[in-house]
Amino acid sequence: MPRHLRPLGALAAAATCAALLSACDSGASGDGTTTLGFVNGANTEFHTCLQKAVTSQASASGAKVITANSQQNPATELSNIEDMISRQVDALIVQTVNVDALKGDIAKARSAKIPIFLTSVISSDTTDILGAVVVDLPKVGALDAGWVGKDAAGAPAEAGVIAGAPGAASDLLVKGFTGALPANVKVVANQPGMFVRAKAQDVAENMIQAHPNLKYAFVANEDMAFGALQAFKAAGKNVEIVTVNGTDEGLAAVKDGRFAATVANSATVTGQLAVKNAVALLKKQAAPKIANTPISLITQENLSSAPQYCLK
């Protein structure tokens, strides 16, 4: 699933949004006739930054936003969408928690004649959606695998995978990573850290005990990577960590060598594009139906090229 905007007003708006559903008028200008529902998937740094970008860009675009959080639960996601429908939003922006849940989500919105716009991942059939801003998550994983392959230089090596929550972005990230590894690098462990730092630390502790020769670890976001780093250091092991996001904290860890590499995919860019394109498509204006968030492998050699992950 996988570095990205936030002025003071958006910060205040985000702070007032309840865990499940709250009306967040992001300071819409003009007549405010466009109301967007934003159903977020969780509370990781990515999701928080994504919401800041959505609320900020909505204000700049003269729209209003009602936000909800599904807490990584597909049933809650559907309930949130039903609630948005009852509020008669003009369009729904959804950061899904489970790609398998999208079919039901899209059907529910379609039956209510409310267009749905997706972020990060996309449904297999795009006919029934307004549009999407997607991150090429398999390629994100493959970029990290490319660094591992180059570093291993043909020598046999063991790698571990600390995934996020099963069902959506994490599955695509892991598939991209494992599928792009060279034959000389063997994945000896693959466990979910659920996008929680403490959980990832526990997983890493078990992983290094079971596989003391572990050379590399792919971790599905930087927050979990810090938990894994702590576990590896406590065990006295130097495991090269490759990860995902490009936050300020993650870039600092790349700079000083705590992380070997990260793949930047700005939550800010994703959120801004989602609102801009959704509003434009609603108004029948020119905009791509499917847009891509740029991604790039970041190492010590190209730190300065990393995009802004989160609004300040």
Protein backbone atom coordinates (compact mmCIF):
# COMPACT_ATOMS: atom_id res chain seq x y z
CA MET A 1 0.00 0.00 0.00
CA PRO A 2 2.43 0.13 -0.29
CA ARG A 3 5.48 10.61 1.22
CA HIS A 4 2.83 13.04 0.82
CA LEU A 5 0.07 18.15 2.30
CA ARG A 6 -1.60 19.96 5.28
CA PRO A 7 -2.25 23.59 6.31
CA LEU A 8 -3.54 24.55 9.74
CA GLY A 9 -7.15 24.57 8.56
CA ALA A 10 -6.92 21.01 7.23
CA LEU A 11 -5.24 19.93 10.44
CA ALA A 12 -8.11 21.28 12.45
CA ALA A 13 -10.59 19.63 10.12
CA ALA A 14 -8.88 16.27 10.46
CA ALA A 15 -8.82 16.62 14.24
CA THR A 16 -12.57 17.10 14.38
CA CYS A 17 -13.37 14.07 12.26
CA ALA A 18 -14.58 11.20 14.42
CA ALA A 19 -13.19 7.69 14.05
CA LEU A 20 -16.12 6.56 11.98
CA LEU A 21 -18.12 9.34 10.39
CA SER A 22 -18.28 13.11 10.78
CA ALA A 23 -19.16 16.07 8.62
CA CYS A 24 -15.96 17.91 7.81
CA ASP A 25 -16.64 21.12 5.91
CA SER A 26 -13.14 21.84 4.69
CA GLY A 27 -13.78 25.52 4.13
CA ALA A 28 -15.37 25.19 0.73
CA SER A 29 -15.40 28.36 -1.33
CA GLY A 30 -18.01 29.41 -3.84
CA ASP A 31 -21.50 27.96 -3.55
CA GLY A 32 -20.20 24.65 -2.15
CA THR A 33 -22.65 22.63 -4.23
CA THR A 34 -20.24 19.70 -4.70
CA THR A 35 -20.11 17.44 -1.67
CA LEU A 36 -17.63 14.57 -1.64
CA GLY A 37 -17.71 11.62 0.71
CA PHE A 38 -14.26 10.30 1.58
CA VAL A 39 -14.14 6.79 3.06
CA ASN A 40 -10.64 6.18 4.39
CA GLY A 41 -9.28 2.73 5.17
CA ALA A 42 -7.23 3.06 8.36
CA ASN A 43 -5.18 5.41 10.54
CA THR A 44 -1.62 4.82 9.36
CA GLU A 45 0.52 7.81 8.42
CA PHE A 46 -0.38 7.20 4.77
CA HIS A 47 -4.10 7.33 5.51
CA THR A 48 -3.73 10.41 7.72
CA CYS A 49 -1.72 12.26 5.06
CA LEU A 50 -4.12 11.15 2.34
CA GLN A 51 -7.04 12.64 4.26
CA LYS A 52 -5.18 15.90 4.84
CA ALA A 53 -4.56 16.18 1.11
CA VAL A 54 -8.19 15.37 0.27
CA THR A 55 -9.64 17.93 2.69
CA SER A 56 -7.14 20.62 1.69
CA GLN A 57 -7.64 20.11 -2.04
CA ALA A 58 -11.42 20.01 -1.62
CA SER A 59 -11.26 23.45 -0.03
CA ALA A 60 -9.14 24.72 -2.91
CA SER A 61 -11.59 23.19 -5.41
CA GLY A 62 -14.67 24.72 -3.81
CA ALA A 63 -16.06 21.42 -2.57
CA LYS A 64 -17.14 20.05 0.79
CA VAL A 65 -15.96 16.75 2.30
CA ILE A 66 -17.63 14.32 4.67
CA THR A 67 -15.11 11.80 6.01
CA ALA A 68 -15.34 8.30 7.43
CA ASN A 69 -12.81 5.69 8.54
CA SER A 70 -13.31 1.98 8.02
CA GLN A 71 -10.60 0.87 10.48
CA GLN A 72 -9.40 -1.93 8.15
CA ASN A 73 -12.82 -3.59 8.32
CA PRO A 74 -14.69 -4.34 5.04
CA ALA A 75 -18.05 -4.47 6.82
CA THR A 76 -17.43 -1.04 8.32
CA GLU A 77 -16.43 0.22 4.88
CA LEU A 78 -19.76 -0.85 3.39
CA SER A 79 -21.60 0.67 6.35
CA ASN A 80 -19.73 3.93 5.85
CA ILE A 81 -20.64 3.96 2.17
CA GLU A 82 -24.30 3.37 3.03
CA ASP A 83 -24.11 6.27 5.47
CA MET A 84 -22.58 8.50 2.79
CA ILE A 85 -25.38 7.53 0.42
CA SER A 86 -27.95 8.54 3.03
CA ARG A 87 -26.20 11.93 3.21
CA GLN A 88 -26.65 12.27 -0.56
CA VAL A 89 -23.05 13.11 -1.41
CA ASP A 90 -22.34 13.95 -5.04
CA ALA A 91 -19.50 11.42 -5.29
CA LEU A 92 -17.62 8.96 -3.10
CA ILE A 93 -13.82 8.75 -2.86
CA VAL A 94 -12.82 5.40 -1.36
CA GLN A 95 -9.50 4.15 -0.03
CA THR A 96 -10.59 0.54 0.27
CA VAL A 97 -9.49 -1.91 2.96
CA ASN A 98 -10.08 -4.96 0.79
CA VAL A 99 -10.18 -5.27 -2.99
CA ASP A 100 -12.70 -8.09 -2.68
CA ALA A 101 -15.06 -5.68 -0.93
CA LEU A 102 -15.02 -3.25 -3.85
CA LYS A 103 -17.60 -5.17 -5.87
CA GLY A 104 -20.22 -4.72 -3.16
CA ASP A 105 -19.16 -1.13 -2.50
CA ILE A 106 -19.44 -0.16 -6.16
CA ALA A 107 -22.78 -1.94 -6.57
CA LYS A 108 -24.20 -0.15 -3.54
CA ALA A 109 -23.08 3.26 -4.79
CA ARG A 110 -24.22 2.51 -8.34
CA SER A 111 -27.70 1.51 -7.19
CA ALA A 112 -27.92 4.89 -5.43
CA LYS A 113 -26.66 6.67 -8.57
CA ILE A 114 -23.66 8.05 -6.70
CA PRO A 115 -20.36 7.92 -8.64
CA ILE A 116 -17.45 6.24 -6.85
CA PHE A 117 -13.80 7.24 -7.23
CA LEU A 118 -11.01 4.97 -5.98
CA THR A 119 -7.58 5.72 -4.55
CA SER A 120 -4.44 3.52 -4.47
CA VAL A 121 -6.02 0.38 -5.90
CA ILE A 122 -8.58 -0.21 -8.60
CA SER A 123 -11.39 -2.64 -9.34
CA SER A 124 -10.95 -5.23 -12.08
CA ASP A 125 -13.83 -3.67 -14.02
CA THR A 126 -13.59 0.12 -14.29
CA THR A 127 -16.84 0.51 -16.21
CA ASP A 128 -18.88 1.35 -13.12
CA ILE A 129 -16.51 3.82 -11.44
CA LEU A 130 -16.11 7.55 -11.95
CA GLY A 131 -12.33 7.22 -11.92
CA ALA A 132 -9.28 6.41 -9.84
CA VAL A 133 -5.83 7.53 -8.79
CA VAL A 134 -3.73 4.43 -8.42
CA VAL A 135 -0.31 3.50 -7.15
CA ASP A 136 1.37 0.70 -9.08
CA LEU A 137 1.82 -1.34 -5.91
CA PRO A 138 3.34 -4.42 -7.57
CA LYS A 139 5.93 -2.13 -9.14
CA VAL A 140 6.60 -0.54 -5.72
CA GLY A 141 7.45 -3.99 -4.35
CA ALA A 142 9.46 -4.80 -7.46
CA LEU A 143 11.59 -1.66 -7.04
CA ASP A 144 12.57 -2.78 -3.54
CA ALA A 145 13.26 -6.28 -4.86
CA GLY A 146 15.49 -4.76 -7.52
CA TRP A 147 17.62 -3.11 -4.85
CA VAL A 148 17.89 -6.43 -2.97
CA GLY A 149 18.87 -8.29 -6.12
CA LYS A 150 21.55 -5.77 -6.98
CA ASP A 151 22.94 -5.79 -3.44
CA ALA A 152 22.99 -9.60 -3.24
CA ALA A 153 24.94 -9.65 -6.51
CA GLY A 154 24.14 -13.28 -7.25
CA ALA A 155 25.09 -14.65 -3.84
CA PRO A 156 22.62 -16.87 -1.95
CA ALA A 157 20.65 -14.87 0.63
CA GLU A 158 17.58 -15.13 2.85
CA ALA A 159 14.82 -12.51 2.90
CA GLY A 160 11.84 -11.99 5.16
CA VAL A 161 8.59 -10.18 4.42
CA ILE A 162 6.62 -8.20 6.99
CA ALA A 163 3.31 -7.50 5.28
CA GLY A 164 0.55 -5.11 6.30
CA ALA A 165 -3.12 -6.04 6.58
CA PRO A 166 -4.23 -8.80 4.20
CA GLY A 167 -6.71 -8.04 1.45
CA ALA A 168 -5.70 -4.85 -0.32
CA ALA A 169 -2.55 -2.78 -0.82
CA SER A 170 -0.25 -5.03 1.20
CA ASP A 171 -1.00 -8.11 -0.89
CA LEU A 172 -0.09 -6.26 -4.08
CA LEU A 173 3.12 -4.88 -2.56
CA VAL A 174 4.24 -8.31 -1.38
CA LYS A 175 3.36 -9.96 -4.68
CA GLY A 176 5.45 -7.38 -6.51
CA PHE A 177 8.41 -7.87 -4.18
CA THR A 178 8.49 -11.66 -4.11
CA GLY A 179 7.80 -11.94 -7.83
CA ALA A 180 10.74 -9.71 -8.75
CA LEU A 181 13.39 -11.29 -6.52
CA PRO A 182 16.21 -13.14 -8.27
CA ALA A 183 16.46 -16.90 -7.78
CA ASN A 184 19.43 -16.55 -5.43
CA VAL A 185 17.32 -14.68 -2.83
CA LYS A 186 14.94 -16.97 -0.97
CA VAL A 187 11.93 -15.72 1.02
CA VAL A 188 12.07 -17.72 4.25
CA ALA A 189 9.29 -15.95 6.17
CA ASN A 190 6.19 -13.93 5.29
CA GLN A 191 3.98 -12.65 8.11
CA PRO A 192 1.58 -9.71 8.51
CA GLY A 193 2.45 -6.82 10.80
CA MET A 194 -1.02 -5.28 10.26
CA PHE A 195 0.54 -1.84 9.67
CA VAL A 196 1.23 -1.60 13.42
CA ARG A 197 4.79 -0.86 14.58
CA ALA A 198 4.59 -2.96 17.76
CA LYS A 199 3.11 -5.91 15.88
CA ALA A 200 5.84 -5.65 13.22
CA GLN A 201 8.46 -5.65 15.96
CA ASP A 202 7.02 -8.89 17.37
CA VAL A 203 6.99 -10.44 13.90
CA ALA A 204 10.60 -9.38 13.31
CA GLU A 205 11.68 -10.82 16.67
CA ASN A 206 10.18 -14.19 15.79
CA MET A 207 11.58 -14.00 12.27
CA ILE A 208 15.18 -13.38 13.31
CA GLN A 209 15.02 -16.12 15.93
CA ALA A 210 13.78 -18.63 13.38
CA HIS A 211 16.14 -17.39 10.66
CA PRO A 212 19.35 -16.05 12.23
CA ASN A 213 21.00 -15.73 8.81
CA LEU A 214 18.35 -13.35 7.51
CA LYS A 215 20.01 -10.80 5.23
CA TYR A 216 17.10 -8.71 3.92
CA ALA A 217 13.64 -7.65 5.10
CA PHE A 218 10.88 -6.14 2.99
CA VAL A 219 8.48 -4.21 5.24
CA ALA A 220 5.19 -2.90 3.82
CA ASN A 221 5.47 0.56 5.33
CA GLU A 222 8.06 2.67 7.13
CA ASP A 223 6.29 2.77 10.48
CA MET A 224 6.45 -1.03 10.70
CA ALA A 225 10.02 -0.90 9.42
CA PHE A 226 11.07 1.05 12.50
CA GLY A 227 9.60 -1.69 14.69
CA ALA A 228 11.45 -4.33 12.69
CA LEU A 229 14.67 -2.32 12.95
CA GLN A 230 14.40 -2.26 16.72
CA ALA A 231 13.94 -6.03 16.85
CA PHE A 232 16.89 -6.72 14.57
CA LYS A 233 19.15 -4.37 16.52
CA ALA A 234 18.14 -5.97 19.82
CA ALA A 235 19.10 -9.34 18.36
CA GLY A 236 22.46 -7.96 17.25
CA LYS A 237 21.65 -8.60 13.58
CA ASN A 238 22.39 -6.32 10.65
CA VAL A 239 19.41 -6.92 8.36
CA GLU A 240 19.06 -4.68 5.31
CA ILE A 241 15.56 -3.17 5.38
CA VAL A 242 13.72 -2.06 2.25
CA THR A 243 10.35 -0.44 2.69
CA VAL A 244 7.65 1.85 1.33
CA ASN A 245 6.32 5.44 1.66
CA GLY A 246 8.95 8.20 1.72
CA THR A 247 7.94 10.03 4.89
CA ASP A 248 10.32 12.54 6.45
CA GLU A 249 11.15 10.00 9.16
CA GLY A 250 11.70 7.28 6.58
CA LEU A 251 13.97 9.46 4.46
CA ALA A 252 16.02 10.31 7.53
CA ALA A 253 16.47 6.59 8.15
CA VAL A 254 17.63 6.08 4.57
CA LYS A 255 20.04 8.98 4.91
CA ASP A 256 21.77 7.55 7.99
CA GLY A 257 21.69 3.94 6.80
CA ARG A 258 19.05 2.50 9.11
CA PHE A 259 16.99 1.66 6.01
CA ALA A 260 18.66 0.57 2.80
CA ALA A 261 15.94 1.94 0.55
CA THR A 262 12.34 3.08 0.42
CA VAL A 263 9.90 3.61 -2.43
CA ALA A 264 8.37 7.08 -2.42
CA ASN A 265 4.70 7.31 -3.39
CA SER A 266 3.29 10.60 -2.12
CA ALA A 267 0.02 10.42 -0.21
CA THR A 268 -0.31 14.13 -0.88
CA VAL A 269 -0.16 13.68 -4.65
CA THR A 270 -2.69 10.82 -4.48
CA GLY A 271 -5.16 12.84 -2.40
CA GLN A 272 -4.82 15.99 -4.48
CA LEU A 273 -5.27 14.17 -7.78
CA ALA A 274 -8.27 12.26 -6.43
CA VAL A 275 -10.17 15.44 -5.58
CA LYS A 276 -9.11 17.39 -8.68
CA ASN A 277 -10.03 14.56 -11.04
CA ALA A 278 -13.23 13.55 -9.25
CA VAL A 279 -14.55 17.13 -9.31
CA ALA A 280 -13.55 17.60 -12.94
CA LEU A 281 -15.12 14.32 -14.05
CA LEU A 282 -18.33 15.15 -12.17
CA LYS A 283 -18.49 18.41 -14.09
CA LYS A 284 -17.76 16.65 -17.40
CA GLN A 285 -14.45 18.50 -17.67
CA ALA A 286 -11.25 17.09 -19.15
CA ALA A 287 -9.43 14.79 -16.71
CA PRO A 288 -7.98 11.28 -16.94
CA LYS A 289 -10.32 8.59 -15.69
CA ILE A 290 -7.36 6.59 -14.38
CA ALA A 291 -4.32 8.53 -13.14
CA ASN A 292 -1.12 7.23 -11.61
CA THR A 293 0.78 8.47 -8.57
CA PRO A 294 4.49 8.69 -9.46
CA ILE A 295 6.77 6.28 -7.59
CA SER A 296 10.56 6.15 -7.21
CA LEU A 297 13.15 4.08 -5.38
CA ILE A 298 14.96 6.29 -2.89
CA THR A 299 18.45 5.50 -1.58
CA GLN A 300 21.22 7.60 -0.10
CA GLU A 301 22.27 8.48 -3.65
CA ASN A 302 19.05 10.28 -4.66
CA LEU A 303 17.44 11.51 -1.43
CA SER A 304 16.93 15.00 -2.79
CA SER A 305 14.58 13.68 -5.48
CA ALA A 306 11.97 12.37 -3.02
CA PRO A 307 8.57 14.14 -3.27
CA GLN A 308 6.75 15.69 -0.30
CA TYR A 309 4.83 12.96 1.46
CA CYS A 310 2.57 14.88 3.82
CA LEU A 311 1.31 18.45 4.03
CA LYS A 312 3.02 20.58 6.63
